[in-house]
Amino acid sequence: MFTQNYRLLTQEGHLTMSSLLGGLNSIRNANIDDTRRGLFYSGLFELATGFERLMKIVLILDHKLNNKLKNPTNKELKAFGHNIKELYESCSELPENYGLRTRLKLCDKKSKIVSTLTEFAKGSRYYNLDVLTNHSKNEDPISLWLSVIDDHIWSLRSDVRTKLQNDSIQVIDRSGMSGKWQQNVDGEWITKMDFYYLMSATEKANPHIVWSIIETLHPFHGVLRYQCNKLQELYAAQDKENEIPFMFEFFPFFLTPKNSALRKKQWAWGK
């Protein structure tokens, strides 16, 4: 029989894993056209949920390491808050504390992803309803995510961007809609050619966005491995029944190589 702690941590691992994988799938397949734009919202929701839960798992295990295997109180758990950026900063101190070589550092592109997830979790997820009721205090999450997409489009090779531009011109010219305008997913009006280019470029950029997310998550695998091994040693040293599952085993996809991540169209555990 597993202890309650073991069972609850296992369930939290499954929930966090499912949220992150679902978010990766949604972001990989999202686009600005009518049939796929809803995936931006589901992707941000799932990733924000997964990121927050992952980092709270890490902080709970760290608390147990430093407090004689005791769980944090509910008050201490609530003190962690819901700010994903602040949770990340708290977690970023741990590798050095543990003497690990891995580091949790964010480049500008990854920092913008974490900031967007933070804003979404804080209130932007209700942006549409808030605007409808004249109560909007948050930024449009899609506008924030379009900036993330733009960063990754500009990171594509120049010849790839040039080909996308030329293809867009040809498609729109053949369709006879070169002078037409279309409303973008953020409500801004852009030319049909710009819309087609952005849609094609988003398709190319999405795998690279997913890779940026995987790179952000990668160090957590090593941190969790260290925590779980140390905690299990402590339980054994005190002749207590182990209450810590191998939490890192829920997240093998954190270790996906870049070439594989860029090719993946579907994210699933163990694949």
Protein backbone atom coordinates (compact mmCIF):
# COMPACT_ATOMS: atom_id res chain seq x y z
CA MET A 1 0.00 0.00 0.00
CA PHE A 2 1.26 3.45 -0.89
CA THR A 3 1.11 6.22 1.70
CA GLN A 4 -1.20 9.19 1.21
CA ASN A 5 1.77 11.47 0.47
CA TYR A 6 3.02 9.08 -2.21
CA ARG A 7 -0.43 8.78 -3.78
CA LEU A 8 -1.10 12.53 -3.79
CA LEU A 9 2.29 13.38 -5.28
CA THR A 10 1.72 10.74 -7.96
CA GLN A 11 -1.65 12.26 -8.84
CA GLU A 12 -0.07 15.72 -8.96
CA GLY A 13 2.60 14.36 -11.28
CA HIS A 14 0.00 12.96 -13.66
CA LEU A 15 -1.96 16.22 -13.65
CA THR A 16 1.13 18.35 -14.25
CA MET A 17 2.39 16.05 -17.01
CA SER A 18 -1.00 16.06 -18.77
CA SER A 19 -1.28 19.85 -18.54
CA LEU A 20 2.17 20.44 -20.02
CA LEU A 21 1.76 17.88 -22.82
CA GLY A 22 -1.67 19.28 -23.67
CA GLY A 23 -0.22 22.78 -23.76
CA LEU A 24 2.63 21.74 -26.05
CA ASN A 25 0.17 20.08 -28.44
CA SER A 26 -2.12 23.11 -28.51
CA ILE A 27 0.70 25.59 -29.09
CA ARG A 28 2.27 23.37 -31.75
CA ASN A 29 -0.99 23.29 -33.73
CA ALA A 30 -2.40 26.77 -33.02
CA ASN A 31 -2.61 29.42 -35.71
CA ILE A 32 -4.35 32.70 -36.48
CA ASP A 33 -7.06 31.31 -38.79
CA ASP A 34 -10.60 30.74 -37.50
CA THR A 35 -10.28 26.97 -37.13
CA ARG A 36 -7.12 26.98 -34.98
CA ARG A 37 -7.01 30.26 -33.06
CA GLY A 38 -8.85 28.74 -30.09
CA LEU A 39 -5.80 26.53 -29.52
CA PHE A 40 -3.85 29.60 -28.37
CA TYR A 41 -6.18 29.95 -25.39
CA SER A 42 -6.20 26.26 -24.50
CA GLY A 43 -2.42 26.11 -24.91
CA LEU A 44 -1.81 29.07 -22.62
CA PHE A 45 -4.28 27.72 -20.06
CA GLU A 46 -2.67 24.27 -19.98
CA LEU A 47 0.89 25.58 -19.94
CA ALA A 48 0.16 28.10 -17.19
CA THR A 49 -1.42 25.32 -15.12
CA GLY A 50 1.45 22.92 -15.81
CA PHE A 51 4.21 25.44 -15.11
CA GLU A 52 2.68 26.52 -11.81
CA ARG A 53 2.09 22.96 -10.60
CA LEU A 54 5.55 21.80 -11.67
CA MET A 55 7.28 24.55 -9.75
CA LYS A 56 5.12 24.03 -6.68
CA ILE A 57 6.07 20.33 -6.71
CA VAL A 58 9.73 21.40 -6.75
CA LEU A 59 9.22 23.88 -3.91
CA ILE A 60 7.27 21.36 -1.82
CA LEU A 61 10.05 18.78 -2.20
CA ASP A 62 12.62 21.44 -1.30
CA HIS A 63 10.61 22.25 1.84
CA LYS A 64 10.64 18.57 2.82
CA LEU A 65 14.41 18.43 2.31
CA ASN A 66 14.96 21.38 4.61
CA ASN A 67 12.31 20.61 7.23
CA LYS A 68 12.91 17.04 8.35
CA LEU A 69 10.60 15.53 5.70
CA LYS A 70 7.65 17.67 6.79
CA ASN A 71 5.16 18.93 4.22
CA PRO A 72 4.54 22.69 4.09
CA THR A 73 1.39 23.85 5.85
CA ASN A 74 -1.52 25.09 3.78
CA LYS A 75 -0.54 28.64 4.77
CA GLU A 76 3.02 28.04 3.57
CA LEU A 77 1.73 26.50 0.33
CA LYS A 78 -0.49 29.52 -0.33
CA ALA A 79 2.49 31.78 0.33
CA PHE A 80 4.13 30.36 -2.79
CA GLY A 81 1.47 32.30 -4.70
CA HIS A 82 0.38 31.93 -8.31
CA ASN A 83 2.90 34.23 -10.00
CA ILE A 84 4.72 31.90 -12.40
CA LYS A 85 7.64 34.27 -12.89
CA GLU A 86 8.19 34.56 -9.13
CA LEU A 87 7.86 30.79 -8.71
CA TYR A 88 10.49 30.33 -11.42
CA GLU A 89 12.82 32.76 -9.65
CA SER A 90 12.40 30.82 -6.40
CA CYS A 91 13.19 27.55 -8.18
CA SER A 92 16.19 29.11 -9.94
CA GLU A 93 18.03 29.36 -6.61
CA LEU A 94 17.82 25.62 -5.93
CA PRO A 95 20.41 24.12 -8.33
CA GLU A 96 23.21 26.18 -6.77
CA ASN A 97 21.94 25.33 -3.28
CA TYR A 98 22.11 21.65 -4.22
CA GLY A 99 25.55 21.93 -5.83
CA LEU A 100 24.20 21.05 -9.27
CA ARG A 101 25.79 22.21 -12.50
CA THR A 102 22.45 22.85 -14.16
CA ARG A 103 21.12 26.40 -14.02
CA LEU A 104 17.65 27.87 -14.48
CA LYS A 105 18.29 30.89 -16.70
CA LEU A 106 16.03 32.55 -19.24
CA CYS A 107 17.06 34.27 -22.45
CA ASP A 108 14.86 37.10 -23.74
CA LYS A 109 12.63 34.78 -25.78
CA LYS A 110 12.06 32.35 -22.93
CA SER A 111 11.57 35.19 -20.46
CA LYS A 112 8.76 36.54 -22.64
CA ILE A 113 7.09 33.11 -22.68
CA VAL A 114 7.23 32.89 -18.88
CA SER A 115 5.98 36.49 -18.56
CA THR A 116 3.07 35.77 -20.91
CA LEU A 117 2.09 32.66 -18.95
CA THR A 118 2.34 34.73 -15.75
CA GLU A 119 0.01 37.42 -17.09
CA PHE A 120 -2.39 34.79 -18.39
CA ALA A 121 -2.53 33.04 -15.02
CA LYS A 122 -2.96 36.34 -13.15
CA GLY A 123 -6.03 37.40 -15.08
CA SER A 124 -5.56 37.63 -18.83
CA ARG A 125 -7.34 34.28 -19.21
CA TYR A 126 -10.54 36.21 -18.46
CA TYR A 127 -9.66 39.01 -20.90
CA ASN A 128 -12.53 38.40 -23.34
CA LEU A 129 -15.21 38.35 -20.63
CA ASP A 130 -13.63 41.29 -18.81
CA VAL A 131 -13.72 43.42 -21.97
CA LEU A 132 -17.35 42.44 -22.56
CA THR A 133 -18.22 43.67 -19.07
CA ASN A 134 -16.00 46.79 -19.25
CA HIS A 135 -13.77 45.43 -16.51
CA SER A 136 -10.51 44.76 -18.34
CA LYS A 137 -7.40 45.34 -16.24
CA ASN A 138 -5.20 42.86 -18.06
CA GLU A 139 -3.44 42.69 -21.39
CA ASP A 140 -4.86 40.69 -24.28
CA PRO A 141 -3.15 37.28 -23.99
CA ILE A 142 -3.25 36.79 -27.75
CA SER A 143 -1.42 40.08 -28.33
CA LEU A 144 1.20 38.97 -25.82
CA TRP A 145 1.55 35.59 -27.53
CA LEU A 146 1.77 37.17 -30.99
CA SER A 147 4.88 38.93 -29.71
CA VAL A 148 6.31 35.53 -28.72
CA ILE A 149 5.50 34.23 -32.20
CA ASP A 150 7.12 37.30 -33.79
CA ASP A 151 10.35 36.69 -31.84
CA HIS A 152 10.53 33.15 -33.18
CA ILE A 153 9.62 34.17 -36.74
CA TRP A 154 12.57 36.56 -36.75
CA SER A 155 14.75 33.70 -35.50
CA LEU A 156 13.97 31.70 -38.64
CA ARG A 157 16.64 31.74 -41.34
CA SER A 158 16.37 34.76 -43.61
CA ASP A 159 15.94 32.57 -46.70
CA VAL A 160 12.98 30.82 -45.03
CA ARG A 161 11.31 34.17 -44.26
CA THR A 162 11.97 35.41 -47.80
CA LYS A 163 10.38 32.29 -49.31
CA LEU A 164 7.33 32.68 -47.05
CA GLN A 165 6.97 36.30 -48.16
CA ASN A 166 7.28 35.42 -51.86
CA ASP A 167 4.81 32.54 -51.51
CA SER A 168 2.33 34.86 -49.79
CA ILE A 169 2.57 37.42 -52.58
CA GLN A 170 1.96 34.75 -55.22
CA VAL A 171 -1.02 33.19 -53.41
CA ILE A 172 -2.75 36.53 -52.82
CA ASP A 173 -2.05 37.78 -56.36
CA ARG A 174 -3.54 34.61 -57.85
CA SER A 175 -6.59 34.91 -55.62
CA GLY A 176 -7.23 38.50 -56.71
CA MET A 177 -7.36 39.70 -53.09
CA SER A 178 -4.19 41.81 -53.03
CA GLY A 179 -6.13 44.92 -52.01
CA LYS A 180 -8.26 43.23 -49.37
CA TRP A 181 -7.94 43.51 -45.61
CA GLN A 182 -8.60 41.01 -42.84
CA GLN A 183 -8.93 41.27 -39.09
CA ASN A 184 -6.13 39.51 -37.26
CA VAL A 185 -6.67 37.34 -34.19
CA ASP A 186 -5.83 40.31 -31.92
CA GLY A 187 -8.44 42.52 -33.60
CA GLU A 188 -5.99 44.53 -35.71
CA TRP A 189 -6.71 44.97 -39.42
CA ILE A 190 -3.94 43.79 -41.74
CA THR A 191 -3.72 43.12 -45.47
CA LYS A 192 -4.65 39.70 -46.81
CA MET A 193 -1.05 39.22 -47.84
CA ASP A 194 0.24 40.04 -44.35
CA PHE A 195 -2.38 37.71 -42.86
CA TYR A 196 -1.37 34.83 -45.13
CA TYR A 197 2.32 35.47 -44.42
CA LEU A 198 1.73 35.54 -40.66
CA MET A 199 -0.28 32.32 -40.83
CA SER A 200 2.47 30.56 -42.84
CA ALA A 201 5.23 31.97 -40.65
CA THR A 202 3.40 30.94 -37.47
CA GLU A 203 3.26 27.38 -38.80
CA LYS A 204 7.04 27.48 -39.26
CA ALA A 205 7.71 29.18 -35.92
CA ASN A 206 5.53 26.98 -33.71
CA PRO A 207 8.00 24.05 -33.48
CA HIS A 208 10.68 26.53 -32.40
CA ILE A 209 8.36 27.99 -29.75
CA VAL A 210 7.77 24.47 -28.47
CA TRP A 211 11.53 23.95 -28.36
CA SER A 212 11.94 27.16 -26.32
CA ILE A 213 9.38 25.78 -23.85
CA ILE A 214 11.20 22.44 -23.66
CA GLU A 215 14.50 24.26 -23.04
CA THR A 216 12.85 26.19 -20.22
CA LEU A 217 11.56 22.98 -18.65
CA HIS A 218 14.71 20.89 -19.18
CA PRO A 219 16.61 21.88 -15.98
CA PHE A 220 13.66 20.89 -13.79
CA HIS A 221 14.26 17.23 -14.65
CA GLY A 222 17.68 17.28 -12.99
CA VAL A 223 16.40 19.24 -10.00
CA LEU A 224 13.57 16.75 -9.43
CA ARG A 225 15.93 13.80 -9.81
CA TYR A 226 18.24 15.23 -7.15
CA GLN A 227 15.37 16.03 -4.78
CA CYS A 228 13.75 12.60 -5.08
CA ASN A 229 17.02 10.72 -4.60
CA LYS A 230 17.98 12.80 -1.55
CA LEU A 231 14.55 12.47 0.01
CA GLN A 232 14.50 8.72 -0.48
CA GLU A 233 17.92 8.53 1.18
CA LEU A 234 16.56 10.50 4.15
CA TYR A 235 13.54 8.20 4.49
CA ALA A 236 15.82 5.15 4.38
CA ALA A 237 18.25 6.66 6.91
CA GLN A 238 15.37 7.22 9.33
CA ASP A 239 13.96 3.76 8.66
CA LYS A 240 10.71 5.29 7.39
CA GLU A 241 8.54 4.11 4.54
CA ASN A 242 9.36 6.05 1.39
CA GLU A 243 6.69 8.61 0.50
CA ILE A 244 8.33 10.13 -2.57
CA PRO A 245 7.72 8.76 -6.07
CA PHE A 246 10.33 9.36 -8.76
CA MET A 247 8.67 12.63 -9.82
CA PHE A 248 11.13 13.21 -12.66
CA GLU A 249 9.84 10.07 -14.39
CA PHE A 250 6.62 11.91 -15.21
CA PHE A 251 8.58 14.32 -17.39
CA PRO A 252 10.88 12.42 -19.79
CA PHE A 253 9.84 14.85 -22.54
CA PHE A 254 11.88 17.56 -20.77
CA LEU A 255 14.92 15.72 -22.18
CA THR A 256 13.75 15.68 -25.82
CA PRO A 257 16.64 16.61 -28.18
CA LYS A 258 16.17 19.67 -30.36
CA ASN A 259 15.96 17.79 -33.66
CA SER A 260 13.22 15.52 -32.30
CA ALA A 261 11.33 18.41 -30.70
CA LEU A 262 11.26 20.37 -33.95
CA ARG A 263 9.90 17.36 -35.85
CA LYS A 264 7.24 16.38 -33.32
CA LYS A 265 3.66 17.13 -34.29
CA GLN A 266 2.10 15.30 -31.35
CA TRP A 267 3.33 15.23 -27.77
CA ALA A 268 2.46 12.24 -25.60
CA TRP A 269 4.06 10.59 -22.58
CA GLY A 270 6.69 8.05 -23.55
CA LYS A 271 6.68 9.01 -27.24
